Each structure stands twice: as C-alpha cells, then as structure tokens.
Amino acid sequence: MSGKRSIRVDGREAPLSGKDQGSFFDLGGSVRVPVGSSTGIVDIRAHGFSYSYDLVVDGRSVETGQAVPESASQEGRSMPAWGWIAVALCVALPIATLGGAIPGALGAGAAAACYAVARDPTKPAATRMGLCAAIVAGCWAIAITLIVMVL
C-alpha cells in the first residue's frame, strides 16, 4: 500500500528507474524490464482499485500471443486533450456545489473513471469520448438531483 512498484521477472526484482517506481496514486503505464536476453514491456492498466498487467516480449503479448507494436504499448501513457476536459468537468463538481463529502466523492470517482476510460487504447476514440461524456453527464445529473431533493 506504499505506492512503490515492484516487478519480479523469473523470481528476481527488476530494476526500475525513478519514474517507473510508481507513486502513491499509481495510474499505470508501461515499464521496460529485462527478460532473458530481451527487453520486455510490462503494460500496467489501472481500473479503479485494481490493475491489469500484460507482458510484451519481442513485440508479442505473452498473455494473448498477438503482435503488439511498441507504439501501441506506449499508447496508454498519453492522455488526450478531451480527456483532461472531462476530468476537469468532474473535478469542478465539488467546487460548484461548494464541497461536501458526497459531491467530493462523486467528482473524484467520476474523474478517476474518465481518466481510465480516456487512456484505454483497447477502445476506439469515439467510444471513449462517448463514455467520458456519459460519466460527466451522469455525475452532474446525480449531483443536481441530490441538490433538488434537499431543497
């Protein structure tokens, strides 16, 4: 629970550079690790409180056996500009409602969901945009509904 990454290959801990060692809020990424005489890439994807991992060696996913170009394994690292807009709209919710635990949790959860969806390279960009728009609209609709119920 420290946020420090530790990756083991063949029972030995792989050396990680500073940025690959993780942080308290680990959002995934790609980490290069030595695998025998090759260099592998461990793709780490964050899914809320859990992670999925895929090892890519010599351009092939060990899990699926399918070819993975290096650019595709790095794709999940970048965040599209529209994704940041969706995250900002979610973060704005607790600010607009003047704070509180429920709006804070709703905004933070929706922001994390938008961040994960926007970076998911397994879905087309249009699908990711639609999902982020639905998340933003949903969290704002819930907040507005709660405000109307209280008034």
N, C-alpha and C. Protein backbone atom coordinates (compact mmCIF):
# COMPACT_ATOMS: atom_id res chain seq x y z
N MET A 1 0.81 -1.20 0.00
CA MET A 1 0.00 0.00 0.00
C MET A 1 0.85 1.26 0.00
N SER A 2 2.16 1.13 -0.17
CA SER A 2 3.01 2.31 -0.16
C SER A 2 2.99 3.05 -1.48
N GLY A 3 2.51 2.42 -2.53
CA GLY A 3 2.53 3.04 -3.85
C GLY A 3 3.81 2.73 -4.60
N LYS A 4 4.75 2.02 -3.98
CA LYS A 4 6.01 1.68 -4.63
C LYS A 4 5.81 0.43 -5.48
N ARG A 5 6.21 0.52 -6.73
CA ARG A 5 6.10 -0.63 -7.63
C ARG A 5 7.25 -1.59 -7.40
N SER A 6 6.94 -2.86 -7.55
CA SER A 6 7.96 -3.89 -7.51
C SER A 6 7.58 -4.92 -8.56
N ILE A 7 8.44 -5.11 -9.55
CA ILE A 7 8.16 -6.06 -10.62
C ILE A 7 9.22 -7.15 -10.56
N ARG A 8 8.77 -8.40 -10.53
CA ARG A 8 9.69 -9.53 -10.48
C ARG A 8 9.63 -10.29 -11.80
N VAL A 9 10.81 -10.61 -12.32
CA VAL A 9 10.94 -11.40 -13.54
C VAL A 9 11.80 -12.60 -13.19
N ASP A 10 11.28 -13.78 -13.39
CA ASP A 10 11.98 -15.03 -13.04
C ASP A 10 12.41 -15.05 -11.58
N GLY A 11 11.56 -14.52 -10.71
CA GLY A 11 11.82 -14.54 -9.28
C GLY A 11 12.75 -13.46 -8.77
N ARG A 12 13.30 -12.64 -9.70
CA ARG A 12 14.20 -11.56 -9.28
C ARG A 12 13.54 -10.21 -9.53
N GLU A 13 13.78 -9.29 -8.61
CA GLU A 13 13.20 -7.96 -8.74
C GLU A 13 13.89 -7.21 -9.88
N ALA A 14 13.07 -6.69 -10.81
CA ALA A 14 13.61 -5.95 -11.96
C ALA A 14 13.99 -4.54 -11.51
N PRO A 15 15.12 -4.03 -11.99
CA PRO A 15 15.49 -2.66 -11.64
C PRO A 15 14.56 -1.66 -12.32
N LEU A 16 14.07 -0.69 -11.56
CA LEU A 16 13.16 0.31 -12.10
C LEU A 16 13.79 1.69 -11.95
N SER A 17 13.58 2.52 -12.97
CA SER A 17 14.08 3.90 -12.87
C SER A 17 13.12 4.71 -12.00
N GLY A 18 13.47 5.93 -11.69
CA GLY A 18 12.69 6.77 -10.78
C GLY A 18 11.22 6.88 -11.15
N LYS A 19 10.92 7.21 -12.41
CA LYS A 19 9.52 7.40 -12.81
C LYS A 19 8.74 6.09 -12.85
N ASP A 20 9.45 4.96 -13.01
CA ASP A 20 8.79 3.67 -13.09
C ASP A 20 8.53 3.05 -11.72
N GLN A 21 9.05 3.67 -10.65
CA GLN A 21 8.89 3.12 -9.32
C GLN A 21 7.50 3.37 -8.75
N GLY A 22 6.67 4.14 -9.46
CA GLY A 22 5.30 4.39 -9.02
C GLY A 22 5.21 5.56 -8.08
N SER A 23 4.01 5.80 -7.62
CA SER A 23 3.74 6.87 -6.68
C SER A 23 2.57 6.45 -5.83
N PHE A 24 2.17 7.30 -4.91
CA PHE A 24 1.05 6.95 -4.04
C PHE A 24 -0.22 6.73 -4.86
N PHE A 25 -0.43 7.55 -5.89
CA PHE A 25 -1.56 7.39 -6.79
C PHE A 25 -1.05 6.83 -8.10
N ASP A 26 -0.88 5.53 -8.18
CA ASP A 26 -0.33 4.88 -9.36
C ASP A 26 -1.42 4.71 -10.40
N LEU A 27 -1.24 5.33 -11.56
CA LEU A 27 -2.25 5.30 -12.62
C LEU A 27 -1.85 4.39 -13.77
N GLY A 28 -0.86 3.53 -13.55
CA GLY A 28 -0.45 2.60 -14.59
C GLY A 28 0.63 3.17 -15.48
N GLY A 29 0.83 2.54 -16.62
CA GLY A 29 1.84 2.95 -17.57
C GLY A 29 2.56 1.75 -18.14
N SER A 30 3.68 1.99 -18.78
CA SER A 30 4.49 0.92 -19.37
C SER A 30 5.88 0.97 -18.75
N VAL A 31 6.36 -0.19 -18.35
CA VAL A 31 7.66 -0.29 -17.69
C VAL A 31 8.52 -1.28 -18.45
N ARG A 32 9.72 -0.87 -18.84
CA ARG A 32 10.66 -1.77 -19.52
C ARG A 32 11.37 -2.62 -18.47
N VAL A 33 11.43 -3.94 -18.74
CA VAL A 33 12.10 -4.86 -17.83
C VAL A 33 12.95 -5.84 -18.64
N PRO A 34 14.07 -6.28 -18.06
CA PRO A 34 14.88 -7.28 -18.76
C PRO A 34 14.22 -8.66 -18.65
N VAL A 35 14.11 -9.35 -19.79
CA VAL A 35 13.54 -10.70 -19.83
C VAL A 35 14.54 -11.56 -20.61
N GLY A 36 15.36 -12.28 -19.89
CA GLY A 36 16.41 -13.06 -20.55
C GLY A 36 17.34 -12.13 -21.30
N SER A 37 17.54 -12.40 -22.60
CA SER A 37 18.40 -11.55 -23.40
C SER A 37 17.60 -10.45 -24.10
N SER A 38 16.30 -10.40 -23.86
CA SER A 38 15.43 -9.40 -24.49
C SER A 38 15.01 -8.34 -23.48
N THR A 39 14.37 -7.32 -24.01
CA THR A 39 13.76 -6.31 -23.15
C THR A 39 12.25 -6.44 -23.32
N GLY A 40 11.56 -6.59 -22.22
CA GLY A 40 10.11 -6.70 -22.25
C GLY A 40 9.48 -5.40 -21.77
N ILE A 41 8.21 -5.28 -22.04
CA ILE A 41 7.45 -4.13 -21.56
C ILE A 41 6.27 -4.67 -20.76
N VAL A 42 6.16 -4.23 -19.52
CA VAL A 42 5.01 -4.57 -18.70
C VAL A 42 4.02 -3.42 -18.82
N ASP A 43 2.87 -3.69 -19.45
CA ASP A 43 1.81 -2.68 -19.55
C ASP A 43 0.93 -2.81 -18.33
N ILE A 44 0.82 -1.71 -17.58
CA ILE A 44 0.03 -1.70 -16.36
C ILE A 44 -1.16 -0.78 -16.59
N ARG A 45 -2.36 -1.30 -16.42
CA ARG A 45 -3.57 -0.52 -16.61
C ARG A 45 -4.31 -0.44 -15.28
N ALA A 46 -4.65 0.77 -14.89
CA ALA A 46 -5.39 0.99 -13.65
C ALA A 46 -6.88 0.87 -13.93
N HIS A 47 -7.59 0.18 -13.05
CA HIS A 47 -9.04 0.02 -13.13
C HIS A 47 -9.63 0.32 -11.75
N GLY A 48 -9.59 1.58 -11.37
CA GLY A 48 -10.08 1.94 -10.04
C GLY A 48 -9.11 1.45 -8.97
N PHE A 49 -9.52 0.42 -8.22
CA PHE A 49 -8.67 -0.09 -7.15
C PHE A 49 -7.91 -1.34 -7.55
N SER A 50 -8.03 -1.75 -8.80
CA SER A 50 -7.31 -2.93 -9.25
C SER A 50 -6.50 -2.58 -10.51
N TYR A 51 -5.62 -3.50 -10.89
CA TYR A 51 -4.76 -3.29 -12.04
C TYR A 51 -4.77 -4.53 -12.91
N SER A 52 -4.52 -4.35 -14.21
CA SER A 52 -4.29 -5.49 -15.09
C SER A 52 -2.90 -5.31 -15.67
N TYR A 53 -2.25 -6.42 -15.93
CA TYR A 53 -0.87 -6.41 -16.39
C TYR A 53 -0.76 -7.26 -17.65
N ASP A 54 0.09 -6.84 -18.57
CA ASP A 54 0.38 -7.64 -19.76
C ASP A 54 1.85 -7.48 -20.05
N LEU A 55 2.52 -8.59 -20.23
CA LEU A 55 3.94 -8.58 -20.55
C LEU A 55 4.09 -8.72 -22.06
N VAL A 56 4.82 -7.79 -22.67
CA VAL A 56 5.08 -7.81 -24.11
C VAL A 56 6.57 -8.08 -24.28
N VAL A 57 6.90 -9.21 -24.96
CA VAL A 57 8.30 -9.57 -25.21
C VAL A 57 8.46 -9.79 -26.70
N ASP A 58 9.47 -9.16 -27.26
CA ASP A 58 9.75 -9.26 -28.70
C ASP A 58 8.53 -8.92 -29.54
N GLY A 59 7.78 -7.90 -29.09
CA GLY A 59 6.64 -7.42 -29.86
C GLY A 59 5.38 -8.26 -29.76
N ARG A 60 5.35 -9.26 -28.86
CA ARG A 60 4.17 -10.11 -28.71
C ARG A 60 3.71 -10.13 -27.26
N SER A 61 2.40 -10.08 -27.09
CA SER A 61 1.82 -10.19 -25.76
C SER A 61 1.97 -11.62 -25.28
N VAL A 62 2.52 -11.80 -24.09
CA VAL A 62 2.67 -13.13 -23.52
C VAL A 62 1.29 -13.72 -23.21
N GLU A 63 0.36 -12.87 -22.81
CA GLU A 63 -0.98 -13.33 -22.43
C GLU A 63 -1.79 -13.80 -23.63
N THR A 64 -1.81 -12.98 -24.71
CA THR A 64 -2.67 -13.29 -25.85
C THR A 64 -1.92 -13.90 -27.02
N GLY A 65 -0.60 -13.71 -27.09
CA GLY A 65 0.18 -14.20 -28.22
C GLY A 65 0.10 -13.30 -29.45
N GLN A 66 -0.70 -12.25 -29.37
CA GLN A 66 -0.86 -11.35 -30.51
C GLN A 66 0.28 -10.35 -30.58
N ALA A 67 0.58 -9.92 -31.81
CA ALA A 67 1.62 -8.91 -32.01
C ALA A 67 1.16 -7.58 -31.45
N VAL A 68 2.06 -6.90 -30.75
CA VAL A 68 1.78 -5.58 -30.17
C VAL A 68 2.90 -4.65 -30.58
N PRO A 69 2.61 -3.71 -31.52
CA PRO A 69 3.67 -2.77 -31.87
C PRO A 69 4.04 -1.92 -30.66
N GLU A 70 5.30 -1.50 -30.59
CA GLU A 70 5.76 -0.74 -29.42
C GLU A 70 4.94 0.52 -29.22
N SER A 71 4.51 1.14 -30.31
CA SER A 71 3.72 2.37 -30.17
C SER A 71 2.39 2.07 -29.48
N ALA A 72 1.82 0.89 -29.69
CA ALA A 72 0.54 0.54 -29.05
C ALA A 72 0.74 0.31 -27.56
N SER A 73 1.90 -0.23 -27.17
CA SER A 73 2.13 -0.46 -25.75
C SER A 73 2.38 0.85 -25.02
N GLN A 74 2.80 1.89 -25.74
CA GLN A 74 3.03 3.19 -25.13
C GLN A 74 1.77 4.05 -25.18
N GLU A 75 0.77 3.64 -25.97
CA GLU A 75 -0.42 4.45 -26.19
C GLU A 75 -1.13 4.81 -24.90
N GLY A 76 -1.22 3.87 -23.97
CA GLY A 76 -1.96 4.09 -22.74
C GLY A 76 -1.33 5.13 -21.84
N ARG A 77 -0.11 5.54 -22.12
CA ARG A 77 0.57 6.51 -21.27
C ARG A 77 0.05 7.92 -21.49
N SER A 78 -0.34 8.24 -22.73
CA SER A 78 -0.72 9.62 -23.02
C SER A 78 -2.21 9.83 -22.78
N MET A 79 -2.53 11.04 -22.41
CA MET A 79 -3.92 11.41 -22.14
C MET A 79 -4.35 12.39 -23.23
N PRO A 80 -5.42 12.08 -23.96
CA PRO A 80 -5.88 13.03 -24.98
C PRO A 80 -6.42 14.30 -24.33
N ALA A 81 -6.35 15.41 -25.05
CA ALA A 81 -6.79 16.71 -24.51
C ALA A 81 -8.25 16.67 -24.08
N TRP A 82 -9.09 16.01 -24.85
CA TRP A 82 -10.51 15.96 -24.49
C TRP A 82 -10.70 15.18 -23.18
N GLY A 83 -9.80 14.25 -22.88
CA GLY A 83 -9.88 13.51 -21.63
C GLY A 83 -9.64 14.41 -20.43
N TRP A 84 -8.70 15.36 -20.58
CA TRP A 84 -8.44 16.30 -19.50
C TRP A 84 -9.65 17.22 -19.28
N ILE A 85 -10.35 17.55 -20.35
CA ILE A 85 -11.56 18.39 -20.22
C ILE A 85 -12.62 17.63 -19.42
N ALA A 86 -12.80 16.34 -19.73
CA ALA A 86 -13.77 15.52 -18.99
C ALA A 86 -13.38 15.42 -17.52
N VAL A 87 -12.09 15.22 -17.24
CA VAL A 87 -11.63 15.14 -15.85
C VAL A 87 -11.88 16.47 -15.14
N ALA A 88 -11.58 17.58 -15.83
CA ALA A 88 -11.79 18.91 -15.23
C ALA A 88 -13.26 19.16 -14.91
N LEU A 89 -14.16 18.71 -15.79
CA LEU A 89 -15.59 18.89 -15.53
C LEU A 89 -16.03 18.09 -14.30
N CYS A 90 -15.43 16.94 -14.10
CA CYS A 90 -15.75 16.14 -12.91
C CYS A 90 -15.19 16.78 -11.65
N VAL A 91 -13.97 17.29 -11.74
CA VAL A 91 -13.34 17.94 -10.59
C VAL A 91 -14.08 19.22 -10.23
N ALA A 92 -14.70 19.86 -11.22
CA ALA A 92 -15.44 21.10 -10.98
C ALA A 92 -16.72 20.87 -10.18
N LEU A 93 -17.23 19.65 -10.16
CA LEU A 93 -18.49 19.36 -9.46
C LEU A 93 -18.45 19.72 -7.99
N PRO A 94 -17.47 19.23 -7.21
CA PRO A 94 -17.46 19.61 -5.79
C PRO A 94 -17.19 21.10 -5.57
N ILE A 95 -16.50 21.72 -6.51
CA ILE A 95 -16.26 23.16 -6.40
C ILE A 95 -17.55 23.93 -6.61
N ALA A 96 -18.30 23.54 -7.64
CA ALA A 96 -19.56 24.22 -7.96
C ALA A 96 -20.61 24.02 -6.88
N THR A 97 -20.57 22.88 -6.21
CA THR A 97 -21.56 22.59 -5.17
C THR A 97 -21.08 23.03 -3.78
N LEU A 98 -19.96 23.73 -3.75
CA LEU A 98 -19.37 24.25 -2.51
C LEU A 98 -18.91 23.15 -1.56
N GLY A 99 -18.46 22.05 -2.13
CA GLY A 99 -17.82 21.00 -1.35
C GLY A 99 -18.78 20.03 -0.70
N GLY A 100 -18.27 19.27 0.21
CA GLY A 100 -19.04 18.23 0.89
C GLY A 100 -18.50 16.87 0.51
N ALA A 101 -18.78 15.89 1.36
CA ALA A 101 -18.26 14.53 1.15
C ALA A 101 -18.88 13.87 -0.07
N ILE A 102 -20.19 14.00 -0.24
CA ILE A 102 -20.85 13.33 -1.36
C ILE A 102 -20.42 13.93 -2.69
N PRO A 103 -20.49 15.27 -2.88
CA PRO A 103 -20.01 15.82 -4.15
C PRO A 103 -18.51 15.56 -4.37
N GLY A 104 -17.73 15.57 -3.30
CA GLY A 104 -16.30 15.30 -3.43
C GLY A 104 -16.04 13.88 -3.91
N ALA A 105 -16.73 12.92 -3.30
CA ALA A 105 -16.56 11.52 -3.70
C ALA A 105 -17.09 11.29 -5.11
N LEU A 106 -18.22 11.92 -5.43
CA LEU A 106 -18.81 11.77 -6.76
C LEU A 106 -17.88 12.36 -7.82
N GLY A 107 -17.35 13.55 -7.57
CA GLY A 107 -16.45 14.18 -8.52
C GLY A 107 -15.14 13.42 -8.67
N ALA A 108 -14.57 12.97 -7.55
CA ALA A 108 -13.30 12.23 -7.61
C ALA A 108 -13.47 10.89 -8.31
N GLY A 109 -14.55 10.20 -8.01
CA GLY A 109 -14.80 8.91 -8.66
C GLY A 109 -15.02 9.05 -10.15
N ALA A 110 -15.80 10.06 -10.53
CA ALA A 110 -16.06 10.29 -11.95
C ALA A 110 -14.78 10.73 -12.67
N ALA A 111 -13.96 11.56 -12.01
CA ALA A 111 -12.69 12.00 -12.62
C ALA A 111 -11.77 10.80 -12.84
N ALA A 112 -11.68 9.91 -11.86
CA ALA A 112 -10.84 8.72 -11.99
C ALA A 112 -11.35 7.82 -13.11
N ALA A 113 -12.68 7.68 -13.21
CA ALA A 113 -13.26 6.86 -14.26
C ALA A 113 -12.97 7.46 -15.64
N CYS A 114 -13.14 8.78 -15.77
CA CYS A 114 -12.84 9.44 -17.05
C CYS A 114 -11.37 9.29 -17.41
N TYR A 115 -10.50 9.41 -16.43
CA TYR A 115 -9.07 9.27 -16.68
C TYR A 115 -8.75 7.88 -17.21
N ALA A 116 -9.31 6.86 -16.59
CA ALA A 116 -9.06 5.48 -17.02
C ALA A 116 -9.65 5.21 -18.40
N VAL A 117 -10.87 5.66 -18.63
CA VAL A 117 -11.53 5.42 -19.91
C VAL A 117 -10.80 6.15 -21.04
N ALA A 118 -10.42 7.40 -20.82
CA ALA A 118 -9.77 8.20 -21.86
C ALA A 118 -8.43 7.61 -22.29
N ARG A 119 -7.74 6.91 -21.38
CA ARG A 119 -6.42 6.34 -21.69
C ARG A 119 -6.49 4.91 -22.18
N ASP A 120 -7.66 4.31 -22.27
CA ASP A 120 -7.80 2.90 -22.64
C ASP A 120 -7.60 2.71 -24.14
N PRO A 121 -6.46 2.17 -24.57
CA PRO A 121 -6.21 2.03 -26.00
C PRO A 121 -6.96 0.88 -26.66
N THR A 122 -7.69 0.09 -25.88
CA THR A 122 -8.42 -1.04 -26.46
C THR A 122 -9.75 -0.62 -27.07
N LYS A 123 -10.18 0.62 -26.83
CA LYS A 123 -11.44 1.11 -27.37
C LYS A 123 -11.16 2.24 -28.36
N PRO A 124 -11.99 2.38 -29.40
CA PRO A 124 -11.81 3.50 -30.33
C PRO A 124 -12.04 4.84 -29.62
N ALA A 125 -11.42 5.89 -30.15
CA ALA A 125 -11.51 7.22 -29.53
C ALA A 125 -12.96 7.68 -29.40
N ALA A 126 -13.78 7.43 -30.40
CA ALA A 126 -15.18 7.87 -30.35
C ALA A 126 -15.93 7.19 -29.20
N THR A 127 -15.66 5.93 -28.97
CA THR A 127 -16.29 5.20 -27.87
C THR A 127 -15.84 5.77 -26.54
N ARG A 128 -14.53 6.03 -26.42
CA ARG A 128 -14.00 6.59 -25.18
C ARG A 128 -14.59 7.98 -24.91
N MET A 129 -14.73 8.79 -25.98
CA MET A 129 -15.33 10.13 -25.81
C MET A 129 -16.77 10.01 -25.33
N GLY A 130 -17.51 9.10 -25.92
CA GLY A 130 -18.91 8.89 -25.53
C GLY A 130 -19.04 8.42 -24.09
N LEU A 131 -18.17 7.50 -23.68
CA LEU A 131 -18.20 7.01 -22.31
C LEU A 131 -17.86 8.12 -21.32
N CYS A 132 -16.85 8.92 -21.65
CA CYS A 132 -16.48 10.04 -20.76
C CYS A 132 -17.62 11.05 -20.68
N ALA A 133 -18.26 11.34 -21.81
CA ALA A 133 -19.39 12.28 -21.80
C ALA A 133 -20.52 11.73 -20.93
N ALA A 134 -20.77 10.43 -21.02
CA ALA A 134 -21.83 9.81 -20.20
C ALA A 134 -21.46 9.86 -18.72
N ILE A 135 -20.20 9.64 -18.38
CA ILE A 135 -19.76 9.71 -16.98
C ILE A 135 -19.95 11.12 -16.44
N VAL A 136 -19.50 12.12 -17.22
CA VAL A 136 -19.63 13.52 -16.79
C VAL A 136 -21.11 13.88 -16.61
N ALA A 137 -21.93 13.56 -17.60
CA ALA A 137 -23.36 13.89 -17.53
C ALA A 137 -24.01 13.16 -16.35
N GLY A 138 -23.63 11.91 -16.15
CA GLY A 138 -24.21 11.14 -15.05
C GLY A 138 -23.86 11.70 -13.69
N CYS A 139 -22.60 12.06 -13.49
CA CYS A 139 -22.22 12.57 -12.15
C CYS A 139 -22.88 13.92 -11.90
N TRP A 140 -22.97 14.77 -12.92
CA TRP A 140 -23.64 16.06 -12.74
C TRP A 140 -25.15 15.87 -12.52
N ALA A 141 -25.76 14.91 -13.22
CA ALA A 141 -27.19 14.64 -13.04
C ALA A 141 -27.47 14.15 -11.62
N ILE A 142 -26.61 13.28 -11.10
CA ILE A 142 -26.79 12.81 -9.73
C ILE A 142 -26.65 13.96 -8.74
N ALA A 143 -25.64 14.81 -8.94
CA ALA A 143 -25.44 15.94 -8.03
C ALA A 143 -26.62 16.89 -8.07
N ILE A 144 -27.12 17.21 -9.24
CA ILE A 144 -28.26 18.12 -9.37
C ILE A 144 -29.51 17.50 -8.73
N THR A 145 -29.70 16.21 -8.95
CA THR A 145 -30.84 15.52 -8.35
C THR A 145 -30.76 15.58 -6.82
N LEU A 146 -29.59 15.35 -6.27
CA LEU A 146 -29.42 15.42 -4.81
C LEU A 146 -29.70 16.83 -4.27
N ILE A 147 -29.24 17.84 -5.01
CA ILE A 147 -29.46 19.23 -4.58
C ILE A 147 -30.94 19.55 -4.61
N VAL A 148 -31.65 19.14 -5.66
CA VAL A 148 -33.09 19.41 -5.78
C VAL A 148 -33.84 18.68 -4.66
N MET A 149 -33.42 17.47 -4.33
CA MET A 149 -34.10 16.71 -3.27
C MET A 149 -33.94 17.38 -1.91
N VAL A 150 -32.79 18.02 -1.69
CA VAL A 150 -32.52 18.65 -0.41
C VAL A 150 -33.29 19.98 -0.28
N LEU A 151 -33.44 20.68 -1.39
CA LEU A 151 -34.10 22.00 -1.34
C LEU A 151 -35.57 21.88 -1.10
